C-alpha atoms as a PDB file:
ATOM      1  CA  MET A   1      99.141  -3.183  29.073  1.00  0.00           C
ATOM      2  CA  ILE A   2      98.208  -4.266  32.759  1.00  0.00           C
ATOM      3  CA  PRO A   3      94.448  -4.985  33.341  1.00  0.00           C
ATOM      4  CA  LEU A   4      92.651  -3.402  35.554  1.00  0.00           C
ATOM      5  CA  PRO A   5      91.717  -5.490  39.293  1.00  0.00           C
ATOM      6  CA  LYS A   6      88.385  -6.694  39.767  1.00  0.00           C
ATOM      7  CA  LEU A   7      86.202  -3.465  40.433  1.00  0.00           C
ATOM      8  CA  SER A   8      82.549  -2.953  40.909  1.00  0.00           C
ATOM      9  CA  ASN A   9      80.395  -2.441  37.677  1.00  0.00           C
ATOM     10  CA  PRO A  10      79.883   1.545  38.240  1.00  0.00           C
ATOM     11  CA  ALA A  11      83.567   2.278  38.708  1.00  0.00           C
ATOM     12  CA  LEU A  12      84.358   0.008  35.396  1.00  0.00           C
ATOM     13  CA  GLN A  13      81.614   1.917  33.480  1.00  0.00           C
ATOM     14  CA  ALA A  14      82.980   5.523  34.920  1.00  0.00           C
ATOM     15  CA  PHE A  15      86.619   4.287  33.684  1.00  0.00           C
ATOM     16  CA  GLU A  16      85.174   3.533  30.018  1.00  0.00           C
ATOM     17  CA  LEU A  17      83.534   6.398  29.784  1.00  0.00           C
ATOM     18  CA  VAL A  18      87.067   8.535  30.415  1.00  0.00           C
ATOM     19  CA  GLY A  19      89.065   6.242  28.404  1.00  0.00           C
ATOM     20  CA  ILE A  20      90.569   4.040  31.385  1.00  0.00           C
ATOM     21  CA  ARG A  21      90.861   0.421  29.917  1.00  0.00           C
ATOM     22  CA  TYR A  22      94.074  -0.415  31.701  1.00  0.00           C
ATOM     23  CA  LEU A  23      96.105   0.308  34.625  1.00  0.00           C
ATOM     24  CA  GLU A  24      98.663   2.377  32.869  1.00  0.00           C
ATOM     25  CA  ASP A  25      95.545   4.815  32.127  1.00  0.00           C
ATOM     26  CA  LEU A  26      95.391   5.954  35.646  1.00  0.00           C
ATOM     27  CA  GLN A  27      98.623   7.700  35.316  1.00  0.00           C
ATOM     28  CA  LYS A  28      96.636  10.545  33.316  1.00  0.00           C
ATOM     29  CA  PHE A  29      94.437  11.236  36.408  1.00  0.00           C
ATOM     30  CA  SER A  30      94.995  12.804  39.796  1.00  0.00           C
ATOM     31  CA  GLN A  31      93.465  10.850  42.286  1.00  0.00           C
ATOM     32  CA  LYS A  32      91.003  13.770  42.889  1.00  0.00           C
ATOM     33  CA  GLU A  33      89.736  13.728  39.392  1.00  0.00           C
ATOM     34  CA  ILE A  34      89.310   9.583  39.762  1.00  0.00           C
ATOM     35  CA  LEU A  35      87.515  10.229  42.995  1.00  0.00           C
ATOM     36  CA  ALA A  36      85.054  12.910  40.931  1.00  0.00           C
ATOM     37  CA  LEU A  37      83.835  10.115  38.941  1.00  0.00           C
ATOM     38  CA  HIS A  38      80.377   9.109  39.302  1.00  0.00           C
ATOM     39  CA  GLY A  39      80.475   5.458  40.730  1.00  0.00           C
ATOM     40  CA  VAL A  40      83.960   5.617  42.170  1.00  0.00           C
ATOM     41  CA  GLY A  41      84.764   5.976  45.692  1.00  0.00           C
ATOM     42  CA  PRO A  42      87.438   5.383  48.290  1.00  0.00           C
ATOM     43  CA  LYS A  43      86.912   1.528  48.112  1.00  0.00           C
ATOM     44  CA  THR A  44      87.875   1.820  44.613  1.00  0.00           C
ATOM     45  CA  ILE A  45      90.955   3.903  45.301  1.00  0.00           C
ATOM     46  CA  ARG A  46      91.610   1.130  48.034  1.00  0.00           C
ATOM     47  CA  MET A  47      91.317  -1.608  45.499  1.00  0.00           C
ATOM     48  CA  LEU A  48      93.776  -0.138  42.843  1.00  0.00           C
ATOM     49  CA  ALA A  49      96.479   0.742  45.133  1.00  0.00           C
ATOM     50  CA  PRO A  50      98.271  -2.441  45.758  1.00  0.00           C
ATOM     51  CA  ALA A  51      97.975  -3.156  41.877  1.00  0.00           C
ATOM     52  CA  MET A  52      99.290   0.509  41.192  1.00  0.00           C
ATOM     53  CA  LYS A  53     102.205   0.082  43.753  1.00  0.00           C
ATOM     54  CA  ALA A  54     103.073  -3.266  42.127  1.00  0.00           C
ATOM     55  CA  HIS A  55     103.776  -1.884  38.696  1.00  0.00           C
ATOM     56  CA  ASN A  56     105.210   1.565  40.007  1.00  0.00           C
ATOM     57  CA  ILE A  57     101.995   3.345  38.664  1.00  0.00           C
ATOM     58  CA  ALA A  58     100.997   6.432  40.277  1.00  0.00           C
ATOM     59  CA  PHE A  59      98.258   9.174  39.861  1.00  0.00           C
ATOM     60  CA  LYS A  60      99.047  12.212  38.242  1.00  0.00           C
ATOM     61  CA  LYS A  61     100.013  15.207  40.785  1.00  0.00           C
END
């Protein structure tokens, strides 16, 4: 399991509430669903993108 990159506490708390603990967990969600979480914004997506790309992980379509 690949750990999440360093993110803000609100984003980490939002992820915890929906069961996202590892980078691979993001595959279960679309980018729109992630952005809809309270505490998650475009900056979080920008921080996730390089790690996701490096591990060939993508958001659900």
